[in-house]
């Protein structure tokens, strides 16, 4: 079976997001921002999975573009959690690296896919 790096990384990221949500809600008693982060952060991988089952190249690009937006939203919530002192600098630095890496991968995949779409038409 062929390894899918973006699929694997987004799944591992979703696990980290779920664990961070548990920590924030149980230890810090923060429920509103962390719930938004949970929704956006787990949606990244879900949309990448949907892209795997896309009906066309355009549909694939669309699903990955949604994943990219969700990743960017997750970054926003993580930055806000850090700015409001729910996350320490160390906690933030640890998870933001994963989010930024996924964002870069998504951007590259989308750009490459758009190029091949225009070449083939």
PDB file of N, CA and C in Angstrom:
ATOM      1  N   UNK A   1       0.841  -1.191   0.000  1.00  0.00           N
ATOM      2  CA  UNK A   1       0.000   0.000   0.000  1.00  0.00           C
ATOM      3  C   UNK A   1       0.883   1.250   0.000  1.00  0.00           C
ATOM      4  N   UNK A   2       0.571   2.189  -0.879  1.00  0.00           N
ATOM      5  CA  UNK A   2       1.353   3.410  -1.032  1.00  0.00           C
ATOM      6  C   UNK A   2       1.125   4.355   0.152  1.00  0.00           C
ATOM      7  N   UNK A   3       2.214   4.896   0.675  1.00  0.00           N
ATOM      8  CA  UNK A   3       2.108   5.824   1.800  1.00  0.00           C
ATOM      9  C   UNK A   3       1.621   7.184   1.311  1.00  0.00           C
ATOM     10  N   UNK A   4       0.685   7.754   2.037  1.00  0.00           N
ATOM     11  CA  UNK A   4       0.146   9.070   1.724  1.00  0.00           C
ATOM     12  C   UNK A   4       0.545  10.010   2.869  1.00  0.00           C
ATOM     13  N   UNK A   5       1.601  10.778   2.651  1.00  0.00           N
ATOM     14  CA  UNK A   5       2.188  11.605   3.708  1.00  0.00           C
ATOM     15  C   UNK A   5       1.189  12.611   4.278  1.00  0.00           C
ATOM     16  N   UNK A   6       0.457  13.315   3.420  1.00  0.00           N
ATOM     17  CA  UNK A   6      -0.482  14.334   3.907  1.00  0.00           C
ATOM     18  C   UNK A   6      -1.613  13.689   4.714  1.00  0.00           C
ATOM     19  N   UNK A   7      -2.050  12.520   4.274  1.00  0.00           N
ATOM     20  CA  UNK A   7      -3.113  11.800   4.984  1.00  0.00           C
ATOM     21  C   UNK A   7      -2.611  11.364   6.367  1.00  0.00           C
ATOM     22  N   UNK A   8      -1.402  10.823   6.402  1.00  0.00           N
ATOM     23  CA  UNK A   8      -0.809  10.368   7.670  1.00  0.00           C
ATOM     24  C   UNK A   8      -0.566  11.536   8.624  1.00  0.00           C
ATOM     25  N   UNK A   9       0.024  12.608   8.107  1.00  0.00           N
ATOM     26  CA  UNK A   9       0.338  13.769   8.953  1.00  0.00           C
ATOM     27  C   UNK A   9      -0.934  14.434   9.485  1.00  0.00           C
ATOM     28  N   UNK A  10      -1.956  14.523   8.641  1.00  0.00           N
ATOM     29  CA  UNK A  10      -3.199  15.162   9.086  1.00  0.00           C
ATOM     30  C   UNK A  10      -3.918  14.305  10.127  1.00  0.00           C
ATOM     31  N   UNK A  11      -3.790  12.982  10.024  1.00  0.00           N
ATOM     32  CA  UNK A  11      -4.397  12.097  11.027  1.00  0.00           C
ATOM     33  C   UNK A  11      -3.664  12.242  12.364  1.00  0.00           C
ATOM     34  N   UNK A  12      -2.330  12.237  12.320  1.00  0.00           N
ATOM     35  CA  UNK A  12      -1.539  12.426  13.544  1.00  0.00           C
ATOM     36  C   UNK A  12      -1.823  13.798  14.165  1.00  0.00           C
ATOM     37  N   UNK A  13      -1.996  14.810  13.304  1.00  0.00           N
ATOM     38  CA  UNK A  13      -2.322  16.155  13.779  1.00  0.00           C
ATOM     39  C   UNK A  13      -3.687  16.145  14.475  1.00  0.00           C
ATOM     40  N   UNK A  14      -4.658  15.454  13.899  1.00  0.00           N
ATOM     41  CA  UNK A  14      -5.995  15.362  14.506  1.00  0.00           C
ATOM     42  C   UNK A  14      -5.916  14.724  15.892  1.00  0.00           C
ATOM     43  N   UNK A  15      -5.077  13.702  16.033  1.00  0.00           N
ATOM     44  CA  UNK A  15      -4.895  13.070  17.343  1.00  0.00           C
ATOM     45  C   UNK A  15      -4.344  14.086  18.345  1.00  0.00           C
ATOM     46  N   UNK A  16      -3.347  14.859  17.916  1.00  0.00           N
ATOM     47  CA  UNK A  16      -2.761  15.881  18.802  1.00  0.00           C
ATOM     48  C   UNK A  16      -3.803  16.940  19.182  1.00  0.00           C
ATOM     49  N   UNK A  17      -4.632  17.315  18.208  1.00  0.00           N
ATOM     50  CA  UNK A  17      -5.673  18.318  18.457  1.00  0.00           C
ATOM     51  C   UNK A  17      -6.695  17.792  19.469  1.00  0.00           C
ATOM     52  N   UNK A  18      -7.100  16.535  19.320  1.00  0.00           N
ATOM     53  CA  UNK A  18      -8.047  15.926  20.265  1.00  0.00           C
ATOM     54  C   UNK A  18      -7.437  15.897  21.667  1.00  0.00           C
ATOM     55  N   UNK A  19      -6.178  15.491  21.765  1.00  0.00           N
ATOM     56  CA  UNK A  19      -5.513  15.453  23.069  1.00  0.00           C
ATOM     57  C   UNK A  19      -5.344  16.844  23.667  1.00  0.00           C
ATOM     58  N   UNK A  20      -5.053  17.833  22.820  1.00  0.00           N
ATOM     59  CA  UNK A  20      -4.944  19.209  23.299  1.00  0.00           C
ATOM     60  C   UNK A  20      -6.297  19.714  23.783  1.00  0.00           C
ATOM     61  N   UNK A  21      -7.345  19.370  23.063  1.00  0.00           N
ATOM     62  CA  UNK A  21      -8.701  19.748  23.477  1.00  0.00           C
ATOM     63  C   UNK A  21      -9.019  19.162  24.862  1.00  0.00           C
ATOM     64  N   UNK A  22      -8.688  17.885  25.045  1.00  0.00           N
ATOM     65  CA  UNK A  22      -8.938  17.242  26.344  1.00  0.00           C
ATOM     66  C   UNK A  22      -8.185  17.969  27.460  1.00  0.00           C
ATOM     67  N   UNK A  23      -6.933  18.282  27.191  1.00  0.00           N
ATOM     68  CA  UNK A  23      -6.102  19.003  28.170  1.00  0.00           C
ATOM     69  C   UNK A  23      -6.706  20.369  28.498  1.00  0.00           C
ATOM     70  N   UNK A  24      -7.073  21.122  27.459  1.00  0.00           N
ATOM     71  CA  UNK A  24      -7.612  22.471  27.679  1.00  0.00           C
ATOM     72  C   UNK A  24      -8.946  22.447  28.427  1.00  0.00           C
ATOM     73  N   UNK A  25      -9.800  21.491  28.100  1.00  0.00           N
ATOM     74  CA  UNK A  25     -11.103  21.450  28.759  1.00  0.00           C
ATOM     75  C   UNK A  25     -11.009  20.865  30.178  1.00  0.00           C
ATOM     76  N   UNK A  26     -10.170  19.851  30.362  1.00  0.00           N
ATOM     77  CA  UNK A  26     -10.075  19.222  31.679  1.00  0.00           C
ATOM     78  C   UNK A  26      -9.165  19.983  32.645  1.00  0.00           C
ATOM     79  N   UNK A  27      -7.995  20.409  32.169  1.00  0.00           N
ATOM     80  CA  UNK A  27      -7.013  21.061  33.047  1.00  0.00           C
ATOM     81  C   UNK A  27      -7.204  22.570  33.160  1.00  0.00           C
ATOM     82  N   UNK A  28      -7.491  23.221  32.031  1.00  0.00           N
ATOM     83  CA  UNK A  28      -7.575  24.686  32.008  1.00  0.00           C
ATOM     84  C   UNK A  28      -9.016  25.187  32.100  1.00  0.00           C
ATOM     85  N   UNK A  29      -9.977  24.259  32.010  1.00  0.00           N
ATOM     86  CA  UNK A  29     -11.404  24.599  32.044  1.00  0.00           C
ATOM     87  C   UNK A  29     -11.772  25.611  30.962  1.00  0.00           C
ATOM     88  N   UNK A  30     -11.149  25.465  29.797  1.00  0.00           N
ATOM     89  CA  UNK A  30     -11.432  26.329  28.656  1.00  0.00           C
ATOM     90  C   UNK A  30     -12.239  25.500  27.661  1.00  0.00           C
ATOM     91  N   UNK A  31     -13.440  25.987  27.314  1.00  0.00           N
ATOM     92  CA  UNK A  31     -14.345  25.183  26.490  1.00  0.00           C
ATOM     93  C   UNK A  31     -14.689  25.800  25.139  1.00  0.00           C
ATOM     94  N   UNK A  32     -14.708  27.105  25.035  1.00  0.00           N
ATOM     95  CA  UNK A  32     -15.194  27.755  23.815  1.00  0.00           C
ATOM     96  C   UNK A  32     -14.131  27.768  22.714  1.00  0.00           C
ATOM     97  N   UNK A  33     -12.982  28.346  22.990  1.00  0.00           N
ATOM     98  CA  UNK A  33     -11.910  28.419  21.982  1.00  0.00           C
ATOM     99  C   UNK A  33     -11.410  27.028  21.612  1.00  0.00           C
ATOM    100  N   UNK A  34     -11.269  26.180  22.612  1.00  0.00           N
ATOM    101  CA  UNK A  34     -10.748  24.837  22.352  1.00  0.00           C
ATOM    102  C   UNK A  34     -11.716  24.014  21.503  1.00  0.00           C
ATOM    103  N   UNK A  35     -13.021  24.238  21.662  1.00  0.00           N
ATOM    104  CA  UNK A  35     -14.008  23.518  20.841  1.00  0.00           C
ATOM    105  C   UNK A  35     -13.898  23.952  19.379  1.00  0.00           C
ATOM    106  N   UNK A  36     -13.672  25.245  19.145  1.00  0.00           N
ATOM    107  CA  UNK A  36     -13.481  25.745  17.784  1.00  0.00           C
ATOM    108  C   UNK A  36     -12.219  25.133  17.169  1.00  0.00           C
ATOM    109  N   UNK A  37     -11.153  25.091  17.972  1.00  0.00           N
ATOM    110  CA  UNK A  37      -9.893  24.494  17.526  1.00  0.00           C
ATOM    111  C   UNK A  37     -10.090  23.016  17.194  1.00  0.00           C
ATOM    112  N   UNK A  38     -10.850  22.314  18.032  1.00  0.00           N
ATOM    113  CA  UNK A  38     -11.130  20.891  17.818  1.00  0.00           C
ATOM    114  C   UNK A  38     -11.860  20.671  16.494  1.00  0.00           C
ATOM    115  N   UNK A  39     -12.890  21.464  16.241  1.00  0.00           N
ATOM    116  CA  UNK A  39     -13.663  21.316  15.002  1.00  0.00           C
ATOM    117  C   UNK A  39     -12.800  21.554  13.769  1.00  0.00           C
ATOM    118  N   UNK A  40     -12.062  22.665  13.787  1.00  0.00           N
ATOM    119  CA  UNK A  40     -11.231  23.012  12.623  1.00  0.00           C
ATOM    120  C   UNK A  40     -10.076  22.023  12.459  1.00  0.00           C
ATOM    121  N   UNK A  41      -9.412  21.696  13.558  1.00  0.00           N
ATOM    122  CA  UNK A  41      -8.227  20.832  13.506  1.00  0.00           C
ATOM    123  C   UNK A  41      -8.504  19.418  13.054  1.00  0.00           C
ATOM    124  N   UNK A  42      -9.659  18.874  13.426  1.00  0.00           N
ATOM    125  CA  UNK A  42      -9.996  17.522  12.988  1.00  0.00           C
ATOM    126  C   UNK A  42     -10.598  17.527  11.584  1.00  0.00           C
ATOM    127  N   UNK A  43     -11.116  18.667  11.174  1.00  0.00           N
ATOM    128  CA  UNK A  43     -11.702  18.802   9.838  1.00  0.00           C
ATOM    129  C   UNK A  43     -10.640  18.746   8.740  1.00  0.00           C
ATOM    130  N   UNK A  44      -9.428  19.137   9.061  1.00  0.00           N
ATOM    131  CA  UNK A  44      -8.334  19.121   8.077  1.00  0.00           C
ATOM    132  C   UNK A  44      -8.186  17.717   7.491  1.00  0.00           C
ATOM    133  N   UNK A  45      -7.982  16.739   8.342  1.00  0.00           N
ATOM    134  CA  UNK A  45      -7.805  15.365   7.899  1.00  0.00           C
ATOM    135  C   UNK A  45      -9.045  14.785   7.241  1.00  0.00           C
ATOM    136  N   UNK A  46     -10.217  15.163   7.747  1.00  0.00           N
ATOM    137  CA  UNK A  46     -11.467  14.666   7.167  1.00  0.00           C
ATOM    138  C   UNK A  46     -11.615  15.143   5.721  1.00  0.00           C
ATOM    139  N   UNK A  47     -11.271  16.387   5.461  1.00  0.00           N
ATOM    140  CA  UNK A  47     -11.363  16.912   4.096  1.00  0.00           C
ATOM    141  C   UNK A  47     -10.299  16.326   3.172  1.00  0.00           C
ATOM    142  N   UNK A  48      -9.134  16.029   3.715  1.00  0.00           N
ATOM    143  CA  UNK A  48      -8.094  15.366   2.927  1.00  0.00           C
ATOM    144  C   UNK A  48      -8.584  13.969   2.539  1.00  0.00           C
ATOM    145  N   UNK A  49      -9.223  13.275   3.467  1.00  0.00           N
ATOM    146  CA  UNK A  49      -9.790  11.955   3.172  1.00  0.00           C
ATOM    147  C   UNK A  49     -10.860  12.059   2.086  1.00  0.00           C
ATOM    148  N   UNK A  50     -11.711  13.085   2.184  1.00  0.00           N
ATOM    149  CA  UNK A  50     -12.730  13.292   1.153  1.00  0.00           C
ATOM    150  C   UNK A  50     -12.079  13.519  -0.208  1.00  0.00           C
ATOM    151  N   UNK A  51     -10.968  14.239  -0.210  1.00  0.00           N
ATOM    152  CA  UNK A  51     -10.234  14.480  -1.450  1.00  0.00           C
ATOM    153  C   UNK A  51      -9.755  13.190  -2.089  1.00  0.00           C
ATOM    154  N   UNK A  52      -9.414  12.209  -1.261  1.00  0.00           N
ATOM    155  CA  UNK A  52      -8.997  10.902  -1.776  1.00  0.00           C
ATOM    156  C   UNK A  52     -10.099  10.226  -2.591  1.00  0.00           C
ATOM    157  N   UNK A  53     -11.316  10.550  -2.272  1.00  0.00           N
ATOM    158  CA  UNK A  53     -12.466   9.948  -2.957  1.00  0.00           C
ATOM    159  C   UNK A  53     -13.150  10.934  -3.896  1.00  0.00           C
ATOM    160  N   UNK A  54     -12.403  11.930  -4.327  1.00  0.00           N
ATOM    161  CA  UNK A  54     -12.967  12.966  -5.200  1.00  0.00           C
ATOM    162  C   UNK A  54     -13.462  12.375  -6.516  1.00  0.00           C
ATOM    163  N   UNK A  55     -14.482  13.006  -7.060  1.00  0.00           N
ATOM    164  CA  UNK A  55     -15.073  12.550  -8.321  1.00  0.00           C
ATOM    165  C   UNK A  55     -14.299  13.050  -9.536  1.00  0.00           C
ATOM    166  N   UNK A  56     -13.489  14.080  -9.326  1.00  0.00           N
ATOM    167  CA  UNK A  56     -12.710  14.649 -10.426  1.00  0.00           C
ATOM    168  C   UNK A  56     -11.507  15.384  -9.853  1.00  0.00           C
ATOM    169  N   UNK A  57     -10.609  15.813 -10.735  1.00  0.00           N
ATOM    170  CA  UNK A  57      -9.448  16.597 -10.308  1.00  0.00           C
ATOM    171  C   UNK A  57      -9.916  17.908  -9.661  1.00  0.00           C
ATOM    172  N   UNK A  58     -10.937  18.531 -10.243  1.00  0.00           N
ATOM    173  CA  UNK A  58     -11.477  19.783  -9.687  1.00  0.00           C
ATOM    174  C   UNK A  58     -12.055  19.564  -8.292  1.00  0.00           C
ATOM    175  N   UNK A  59     -12.759  18.452  -8.112  1.00  0.00           N
ATOM    176  CA  UNK A  59     -13.330  18.118  -6.806  1.00  0.00           C
ATOM    177  C   UNK A  59     -12.209  17.872  -5.797  1.00  0.00           C
ATOM    178  N   UNK A  60     -11.139  17.190  -6.225  1.00  0.00           N
ATOM    179  CA  UNK A  60      -9.976  16.942  -5.378  1.00  0.00           C
ATOM    180  C   UNK A  60      -9.372  18.267  -4.902  1.00  0.00           C
ATOM    181  N   UNK A  61      -9.172  19.189  -5.841  1.00  0.00           N
ATOM    182  CA  UNK A  61      -8.600  20.502  -5.512  1.00  0.00           C
ATOM    183  C   UNK A  61      -9.509  21.238  -4.529  1.00  0.00           C
ATOM    184  N   UNK A  62     -10.815  21.162  -4.780  1.00  0.00           N
ATOM    185  CA  UNK A  62     -11.787  21.831  -3.911  1.00  0.00           C
ATOM    186  C   UNK A  62     -11.722  21.283  -2.479  1.00  0.00           C
ATOM    187  N   UNK A  63     -11.674  19.968  -2.335  1.00  0.00           N
ATOM    188  CA  UNK A  63     -11.619  19.353  -0.999  1.00  0.00           C
ATOM    189  C   UNK A  63     -10.328  19.734  -0.269  1.00  0.00           C
ATOM    190  N   UNK A  64      -9.223  19.741  -0.997  1.00  0.00           N
ATOM    191  CA  UNK A  64      -7.960  20.121  -0.367  1.00  0.00           C
ATOM    192  C   UNK A  64      -7.915  21.612  -0.034  1.00  0.00           C
ATOM    193  N   UNK A  65      -8.593  22.427  -0.831  1.00  0.00           N
ATOM    194  CA  UNK A  65      -8.677  23.862  -0.524  1.00  0.00           C
ATOM    195  C   UNK A  65      -9.475  24.085   0.766  1.00  0.00           C
ATOM    196  N   UNK A  66     -10.509  23.272   0.971  1.00  0.00           N
ATOM    197  CA  UNK A  66     -11.267  23.357   2.227  1.00  0.00           C
ATOM    198  C   UNK A  66     -10.370  22.936   3.392  1.00  0.00           C
ATOM    199  N   UNK A  67      -9.608  21.868   3.212  1.00  0.00           N
ATOM    200  CA  UNK A  67      -8.669  21.415   4.254  1.00  0.00           C
ATOM    201  C   UNK A  67      -7.663  22.520   4.579  1.00  0.00           C
ATOM    202  N   UNK A  68      -7.206  23.224   3.537  1.00  0.00           N
ATOM    203  CA  UNK A  68      -6.255  24.325   3.722  1.00  0.00           C
ATOM    204  C   UNK A  68      -6.885  25.448   4.558  1.00  0.00           C
ATOM    205  N   UNK A  69      -8.128  25.787   4.263  1.00  0.00           N
ATOM    206  CA  UNK A  69      -8.833  26.822   5.038  1.00  0.00           C
ATOM    207  C   UNK A  69      -9.016  26.394   6.491  1.00  0.00           C
ATOM    208  N   UNK A  70      -9.358  25.138   6.692  1.00  0.00           N
ATOM    209  CA  UNK A  70      -9.528  24.618   8.051  1.00  0.00           C
ATOM    210  C   UNK A  70      -8.202  24.622   8.815  1.00  0.00           C
ATOM    211  N   UNK A  71      -7.132  24.328   8.127  1.00  0.00           N
ATOM    212  CA  UNK A  71      -5.801  24.355   8.740  1.00  0.00           C
ATOM    213  C   UNK A  71      -5.452  25.785   9.162  1.00  0.00           C
ATOM    214  N   UNK A  72      -5.739  26.735   8.286  1.00  0.00           N
ATOM    215  CA  UNK A  72      -5.487  28.138   8.609  1.00  0.00           C
ATOM    216  C   UNK A  72      -6.337  28.581   9.800  1.00  0.00           C
ATOM    217  N   UNK A  73      -7.585  28.131   9.846  1.00  0.00           N
ATOM    218  CA  UNK A  73      -8.446  28.466  10.987  1.00  0.00           C
ATOM    219  C   UNK A  73      -7.895  27.853  12.273  1.00  0.00           C
ATOM    220  N   UNK A  74      -7.400  26.635  12.187  1.00  0.00           N
ATOM    221  CA  UNK A  74      -6.805  25.978  13.351  1.00  0.00           C
ATOM    222  C   UNK A  74      -5.621  26.787  13.869  1.00  0.00           C
ATOM    223  N   UNK A  75      -4.801  27.268  12.947  1.00  0.00           N
ATOM    224  CA  UNK A  75      -3.651  28.102  13.318  1.00  0.00           C
ATOM    225  C   UNK A  75      -4.137  29.352  14.057  1.00  0.00           C
ATOM    226  N   UNK A  76      -5.226  29.947  13.580  1.00  0.00           N
ATOM    227  CA  UNK A  76      -5.805  31.120  14.255  1.00  0.00           C
ATOM    228  C   UNK A  76      -6.174  30.785  15.702  1.00  0.00           C
ATOM    229  N   UNK A  77      -6.890  29.677  15.907  1.00  0.00           N
ATOM    230  CA  UNK A  77      -7.313  29.317  17.267  1.00  0.00           C
ATOM    231  C   UNK A  77      -6.113  29.004  18.149  1.00  0.00           C
ATOM    232  N   UNK A  78      -5.103  28.345  17.596  1.00  0.00           N
ATOM    233  CA  UNK A  78      -3.892  28.063  18.380  1.00  0.00           C
ATOM    234  C   UNK A  78      -3.189  29.357  18.784  1.00  0.00           C
ATOM    235  N   UNK A  79      -3.108  30.300  17.840  1.00  0.00           N
ATOM    236  CA  UNK A  79      -2.488  31.602  18.146  1.00  0.00           C
ATOM    237  C   UNK A  79      -3.283  32.338  19.219  1.00  0.00           C
ATOM    238  N   UNK A  80      -4.596  32.270  19.136  1.00  0.00           N
ATOM    239  CA  UNK A  80      -5.453  32.930  20.129  1.00  0.00           C
ATOM    240  C   UNK A  80      -5.314  32.272  21.498  1.00  0.00           C
ATOM    241  N   UNK A  81      -5.242  30.956  21.520  1.00  0.00           N
ATOM    242  CA  UNK A  81      -5.054  30.243  22.794  1.00  0.00           C
ATOM    243  C   UNK A  81      -3.713  30.606  23.435  1.00  0.00           C
ATOM    244  N   UNK A  82      -2.704  30.791  22.621  1.00  0.00           N
ATOM    245  CA  UNK A  82      -1.399  31.221  23.153  1.00  0.00           C
ATOM    246  C   UNK A  82      -1.475  32.669  23.653  1.00  0.00           C
ATOM    247  N   UNK A  83      -2.089  33.532  22.857  1.00  0.00           N
ATOM    248  CA  UNK A  83      -2.176  34.958  23.216  1.00  0.00           C
ATOM    249  C   UNK A  83      -2.996  35.197  24.485  1.00  0.00           C
ATOM    250  N   UNK A  84      -3.903  34.280  24.787  1.00  0.00           N
ATOM    251  CA  UNK A  84      -4.734  34.417  25.988  1.00  0.00           C
ATOM    252  C   UNK A  84      -4.226  33.522  27.129  1.00  0.00           C
ATOM    253  N   UNK A  85      -3.019  33.020  26.978  1.00  0.00           N
ATOM    254  CA  UNK A  85      -2.292  32.276  28.015  1.00  0.00           C
ATOM    255  C   UNK A  85      -2.896  30.925  28.391  1.00  0.00           C
ATOM    256  N   UNK A  86      -3.683  30.349  27.495  1.00  0.00           N
ATOM    257  CA  UNK A  86      -4.145  28.979  27.721  1.00  0.00           C
ATOM    258  C   UNK A  86      -3.079  27.980  27.276  1.00  0.00           C
ATOM    259  N   UNK A  87      -2.236  28.395  26.323  1.00  0.00           N
ATOM    260  CA  UNK A  87      -1.115  27.580  25.885  1.00  0.00           C
ATOM    261  C   UNK A  87       0.186  28.293  26.210  1.00  0.00           C
ATOM    262  N   UNK A  88       1.150  27.537  26.702  1.00  0.00           N
ATOM    263  CA  UNK A  88       2.468  28.113  26.930  1.00  0.00           C
ATOM    264  C   UNK A  88       3.175  28.224  25.577  1.00  0.00           C
ATOM    265  N   UNK A  89       4.241  28.957  25.558  1.00  0.00           N
ATOM    266  CA  UNK A  89       5.060  29.097  24.343  1.00  0.00           C
ATOM    267  C   UNK A  89       5.528  27.722  23.854  1.00  0.00           C
ATOM    268  N   UNK A  90       5.954  26.886  24.779  1.00  0.00           N
ATOM    269  CA  UNK A  90       6.444  25.545  24.446  1.00  0.00           C
ATOM    270  C   UNK A  90       5.332  24.676  23.854  1.00  0.00           C
ATOM    271  N   UNK A  91       4.163  24.687  24.486  1.00  0.00           N
ATOM    272  CA  UNK A  91       3.024  23.909  23.977  1.00  0.00           C
ATOM    273  C   UNK A  91       2.627  24.387  22.579  1.00  0.00           C
ATOM    274  N   UNK A  92       2.570  25.696  22.425  1.00  0.00           N
ATOM    275  CA  UNK A  92       2.212  26.284  21.136  1.00  0.00           C
ATOM    276  C   UNK A  92       3.230  25.917  20.057  1.00  0.00           C
ATOM    277  N   UNK A  93       4.519  26.113  20.357  1.00  0.00           N
ATOM    278  CA  UNK A  93       5.584  25.826  19.392  1.00  0.00           C
ATOM    279  C   UNK A  93       5.550  24.379  18.916  1.00  0.00           C
ATOM    280  N   UNK A  94       5.227  23.485  19.821  1.00  0.00           N
ATOM    281  CA  UNK A  94       5.194  22.067  19.501  1.00  0.00           C
ATOM    282  C   UNK A  94       4.128  21.739  18.446  1.00  0.00           C
ATOM    283  N   UNK A  95       2.931  22.265  18.601  1.00  0.00           N
ATOM    284  CA  UNK A  95       1.834  21.897  17.692  1.00  0.00           C
ATOM    285  C   UNK A  95       1.755  22.804  16.455  1.00  0.00           C
ATOM    286  N   UNK A  96       2.206  24.027  16.570  1.00  0.00           N
ATOM    287  CA  UNK A  96       2.119  24.939  15.415  1.00  0.00           C
ATOM    288  C   UNK A  96       3.028  24.464  14.286  1.00  0.00           C
ATOM    289  N   UNK A  97       4.146  23.829  14.627  1.00  0.00           N
ATOM    290  CA  UNK A  97       5.049  23.291  13.601  1.00  0.00           C
ATOM    291  C   UNK A  97       4.325  22.281  12.721  1.00  0.00           C
ATOM    292  N   UNK A  98       3.532  21.421  13.341  1.00  0.00           N
ATOM    293  CA  UNK A  98       2.763  20.431  12.585  1.00  0.00           C
ATOM    294  C   UNK A  98       1.735  21.111  11.680  1.00  0.00           C
ATOM    295  N   UNK A  99       1.041  22.097  12.223  1.00  0.00           N
ATOM    296  CA  UNK A  99       0.023  22.809  11.443  1.00  0.00           C
ATOM    297  C   UNK A  99       0.643  23.520  10.239  1.00  0.00           C
ATOM    298  N   UNK A 100       1.772  24.178  10.446  1.00  0.00           N
ATOM    299  CA  UNK A 100       2.435  24.890   9.352  1.00  0.00           C
ATOM    300  C   UNK A 100       2.978  23.935   8.292  1.00  0.00           C
ATOM    301  N   UNK A 101       3.451  22.779   8.722  1.00  0.00           N
ATOM    302  CA  UNK A 101       3.946  21.772   7.784  1.00  0.00           C
ATOM    303  C   UNK A 101       2.797  21.250   6.910  1.00  0.00           C
ATOM    304  N   UNK A 102       1.658  20.985   7.525  1.00  0.00           N
ATOM    305  CA  UNK A 102       0.482  20.517   6.775  1.00  0.00           C
ATOM    306  C   UNK A 102       0.017  21.604   5.811  1.00  0.00           C
ATOM    307  N   UNK A 103       0.027  22.849   6.266  1.00  0.00           N
ATOM    308  CA  UNK A 103      -0.376  23.974   5.422  1.00  0.00           C
ATOM    309  C   UNK A 103       0.514  24.054   4.178  1.00  0.00           C
ATOM    310  N   UNK A 104       1.824  23.920   4.369  1.00  0.00           N
ATOM    311  CA  UNK A 104       2.763  23.963   3.236  1.00  0.00           C
ATOM    312  C   UNK A 104       2.518  22.810   2.266  1.00  0.00           C
ATOM    313  N   UNK A 105       2.314  21.619   2.805  1.00  0.00           N
ATOM    314  CA  UNK A 105       2.044  20.456   1.962  1.00  0.00           C
ATOM    315  C   UNK A 105       0.767  20.650   1.149  1.00  0.00           C
ATOM    316  N   UNK A 106      -0.277  21.132   1.810  1.00  0.00           N
ATOM    317  CA  UNK A 106      -1.552  21.369   1.114  1.00  0.00           C
ATOM    318  C   UNK A 106      -1.389  22.398   0.004  1.00  0.00           C
ATOM    319  N   UNK A 107      -0.688  23.480   0.295  1.00  0.00           N
ATOM    320  CA  UNK A 107      -0.459  24.531  -0.701  1.00  0.00           C
ATOM    321  C   UNK A 107       0.266  23.965  -1.918  1.00  0.00           C
ATOM    322  N   UNK A 108       1.298  23.163  -1.683  1.00  0.00           N
ATOM    323  CA  UNK A 108       2.056  22.559  -2.777  1.00  0.00           C
ATOM    324  C   UNK A 108       1.195  21.599  -3.595  1.00  0.00           C
ATOM    325  N   UNK A 109       0.439  20.753  -2.918  1.00  0.00           N
ATOM    326  CA  UNK A 109      -0.417  19.786  -3.620  1.00  0.00           C
ATOM    327  C   UNK A 109      -1.466  20.512  -4.462  1.00  0.00           C
ATOM    328  N   UNK A 110      -2.070  21.547  -3.908  1.00  0.00           N
ATOM    329  CA  UNK A 110      -3.105  22.303  -4.633  1.00  0.00           C
ATOM    330  C   UNK A 110      -2.503  22.985  -5.862  1.00  0.00           C
ATOM    331  N   UNK A 111      -1.350  23.641  -5.683  1.00  0.00           N
ATOM    332  CA  UNK A 111      -0.698  24.319  -6.821  1.00  0.00           C
ATOM    333  C   UNK A 111      -0.330  23.325  -7.915  1.00  0.00           C
ATOM    334  N   UNK A 112       0.256  22.207  -7.536  1.00  0.00           N
ATOM    335  CA  UNK A 112       0.649  21.176  -8.502  1.00  0.00           C
ATOM    336  C   UNK A 112      -0.582  20.619  -9.222  1.00  0.00           C
ATOM    337  N   UNK A 113      -1.633  20.376  -8.481  1.00  0.00           N
ATOM    338  CA  UNK A 113      -2.861  19.833  -9.066  1.00  0.00           C
ATOM    339  C   UNK A 113      -3.505  20.818 -10.029  1.00  0.00           C
ATOM    340  N   UNK A 114      -3.470  22.109  -9.679  1.00  0.00           N
ATOM    341  CA  UNK A 114      -4.034  23.134 -10.567  1.00  0.00           C
ATOM    342  C   UNK A 114      -3.239  23.219 -11.865  1.00  0.00           C
ATOM    343  N   UNK A 115      -1.911  23.105 -11.761  1.00  0.00           N
ATOM    344  CA  UNK A 115      -1.061  23.126 -12.958  1.00  0.00           C
ATOM    345  C   UNK A 115      -1.382  21.966 -13.876  1.00  0.00           C
ATOM    346  N   UNK A 116      -1.490  20.770 -13.298  1.00  0.00           N
ATOM    347  CA  UNK A 116      -1.777  19.602 -14.122  1.00  0.00           C
ATOM    348  C   UNK A 116      -3.190  19.655 -14.690  1.00  0.00           C
ATOM    349  N   UNK A 117      -4.092  20.330 -13.993  1.00  0.00           N
ATOM    350  CA  UNK A 117      -5.457  20.491 -14.493  1.00  0.00           C
ATOM    351  C   UNK A 117      -5.478  21.386 -15.736  1.00  0.00           C
ATOM    352  N   UNK A 118      -4.701  22.481 -15.703  1.00  0.00           N
ATOM    353  CA  UNK A 118      -4.671  23.389 -16.845  1.00  0.00           C
ATOM    354  C   UNK A 118      -3.886  22.807 -18.019  1.00  0.00           C
ATOM    355  N   UNK A 119      -2.887  21.989 -17.729  1.00  0.00           N
ATOM    356  CA  UNK A 119      -2.100  21.333 -18.787  1.00  0.00           C
ATOM    357  C   UNK A 119      -2.960  20.324 -19.546  1.00  0.00           C
ATOM    358  N   UNK A 120      -3.807  19.617 -18.778  1.00  0.00           N
ATOM    359  CA  UNK A 120      -4.635  18.569 -19.373  1.00  0.00           C
ATOM    360  C   UNK A 120      -5.888  19.100 -20.058  1.00  0.00           C
ATOM    361  N   UNK A 121      -6.134  20.402 -20.013  1.00  0.00           N
ATOM    362  CA  UNK A 121      -7.332  20.955 -20.647  1.00  0.00           C
ATOM    363  C   UNK A 121      -6.992  21.841 -21.804  1.00  0.00           C
TER     364      UNK A 121
END
